[in-house]
Amino acid sequence: MTAAVDPDRREWDVIVVGGGAAGENAAQYATQFSGLRAVIVEAGLLGGECSYWACMPSKALLRPVEVLATGRDLPGVRSLVGNRPLDVQAVLARRDEVVNHLDDSSQVDWALGAGIDVVRGRGRLSGVREVTVRTPDGAERVLTARHAVVLSTGSDPAIPPAPGLAQARPWTSRDVTGLHETPRRMVVVGGGVVACESVTWLHALGVEEITVVEGGPRLLAKNEPFAGDIIESGFRAAGITVRTQTKVTSARRAEVNDAPVGRRHGGEVTLTLDNGEQITADEVLVAAGRRPNSEDIGLETVGLKAGGHLPVDDHLTVEGVDGDWLYAIGDLCGRALLTHMGKYQARIAGEVIAARAAGRPLDPDPFGRHTDVADHDQAPQVTFTDPEIGSVGLTEQQARDQGLDVEAVEYDLAAVAGSYLLRQNYLGRAKLVLDRQRDVVVGATFVGAGVAELTHSATMAVVARIPVPVLRHVVPSYPTVSEVWLRLIEELGKRRQG
C-alpha cells in the first residue's frame, strides 16, 4: 500500500511527520474530540521503531529468558527444566508474531478507523505549515496544515567514530531485535539499556562468547551504581566478559556483505581497544546511544538549525518558530528517549493543538492536560535484564548535583517475603532518594525479579510528590514484592527516630 488517502488531497488541519507510537498518539489526541482531521506521513512501517524493532520485539525475546530463569530457581520446576536451553526457533517465531511479521496493515486500519489519513513517503518541512513528501515512486507531493505540524521523526543508532567501525557494518538495535541467526562470538559496544538487555537474550539464545566494551566506569551509568554492579556481576558469573573504562579505537572486517537485518554482515571482525587488546568476533553490536533524526527534515526552511534535538516548551511547541504551529515530540525533542514518554508528550501536544485550533485558552494548572510535567526528572524506565531494574526520577548523585538536601534509604529486596516466593535465590535491592526539605521522594530504584510492576507506584509517589507521612499509610498487599515500600519507610523512620 502506498497511500491510504485520496491522492489529490493537499490540505489537513494537522500533519504529523513520523508514524511511530508518538506520532500516532499525537494524531489521535489532536482529532478524537475536536473535529479536526489529521494525516500521518510515514516512509516506513506505521507503528515505528517501538512496534517492530525496539520495545515489542525485545520484550518478546526477554520474556522467555525470565521464565526459564525463574523455573530453574523454583523447586518442583527446576527438576523439569534442568539445564535445557531455550527453543531458539520457537522464541524467534513468537517474536515474529509479536511484530506482526513486519506487516503494518493493522496499524493502518486503526488509523483509518480513527479518522486519521496516512500518506506513504518521506516528509520534510518546506515552509510555514507546509510539508513536502517524496512518495515511494519518486514523485513529490506538497501538503499544507491549517493549524499544526508535528515532527515525530525519532532517532537512529549512533556509531562511534572509531576508524573502520561504521565500514564494518556492525549490528545495531534493529539487527539484534530482528536477529535470524545467533553468531558464536559477539562484541557488544556500549553498556546502557539496549546493550544490557541485548546481552541478556543473546546469551540465552546461544551466543557462546560475548564481550561487552563500555567506555564508562560501570554498566547502566544512568542508574544508581548498585544496579549496574548487580548486572555486571551476573554477566561475569554467566561467563560474559565485561570491559569497562575501555573504548574501541579501530575495527577491521575484510569481508562485508549486504545481508539484511538480523543476519551476519560479513566475515570476522577484529576490534582494537584503547588498552591495546584485540578481540575477534563473528559480529559486533553497537549500542552506544542514539542521535535524533533532525537532519534533512527541512528545519532550515523555517529558520531552524538542522542537527541535534529540537528545543520545545512545556506545550511541546518548538522554540524559535513564530505562530505556535510547529511541535516536536519523542526522541526528536530529547527530553526523555523512551516510547512511553514520547506517547505522553504526544497526548499533551495533541490536546494543545485541539485547544488552540478551537481558540480555547490552555489550562494554566501545572498538572493540567496541556503541560508537560513528567519529563522534568520524573521519567520512569524498566530495564528488562535478569534481574530487572525499575527506576524513576533522580539518582542520589543527580539529586545532590541539583543542590537538594538529600536523604537516601536502601533495603535488601531478598528480605521481603513476597520476593522469596518469586525466586528461591532472590537477588535484589531497593533505594529511595528523598528531598529532605519537602519530605518527598524524588527518585526510586528497584533491582530484582518482578520489580517492573513496582515502577508505577514509585512514579506516582515522585510525580504526585506524596509526603512521606502519607506514604506511611499506603499499605502494601502481602505477600508481594511491593512490601518493600513498607520496609523502606520503616527504615527511614528508625533512622529519623534514632
Foldseek 3Di string as FASTA:
>chain_A
DQWQDDPPDAEFQEEEEDQALLSLLLQLLQPQPQVGEYEYEEAFARRPCCLAQPVQLLVLLLVVLQVLVLQCFDPVSVVVNPPDADPLVVSLVSSCVSSVVRDRPVVCVVCVVSRYTYHHAHWFDQAVQKIWGQTPVRDIGIHGHNFAYEYEQAWAADDDPAAAPVVQVAAERRQLSNAPDQFQEEEEEAQALSRLSSVQSSVRSHNNEYEYEELAPFHRVQAAVVQRVVSVVVCVVSVYHYHYNKDWRHKDFPFADDDDRNDQGTAWMWTAMPVRDIDITGGYYYDHDIFGPQPPRHPVNQPDDGGGAFAAAFLQQGPPGPDSHYGYFEVRNPLDNDSVRRNLSSSLNSNVSSCVVVVHDADPPCPDSNGRDCSPQFDWDWRSHVFIKTKGGHDQVRCVVVVAPKDKFKDFLVPAPAQCVSGVPWGKMKMFIARVVLQFTRMIMITTHPCNVVNVVVSCRNRVRDHLVVLCPPDDDPRHSNCVSNVRSVVVVVVVVD
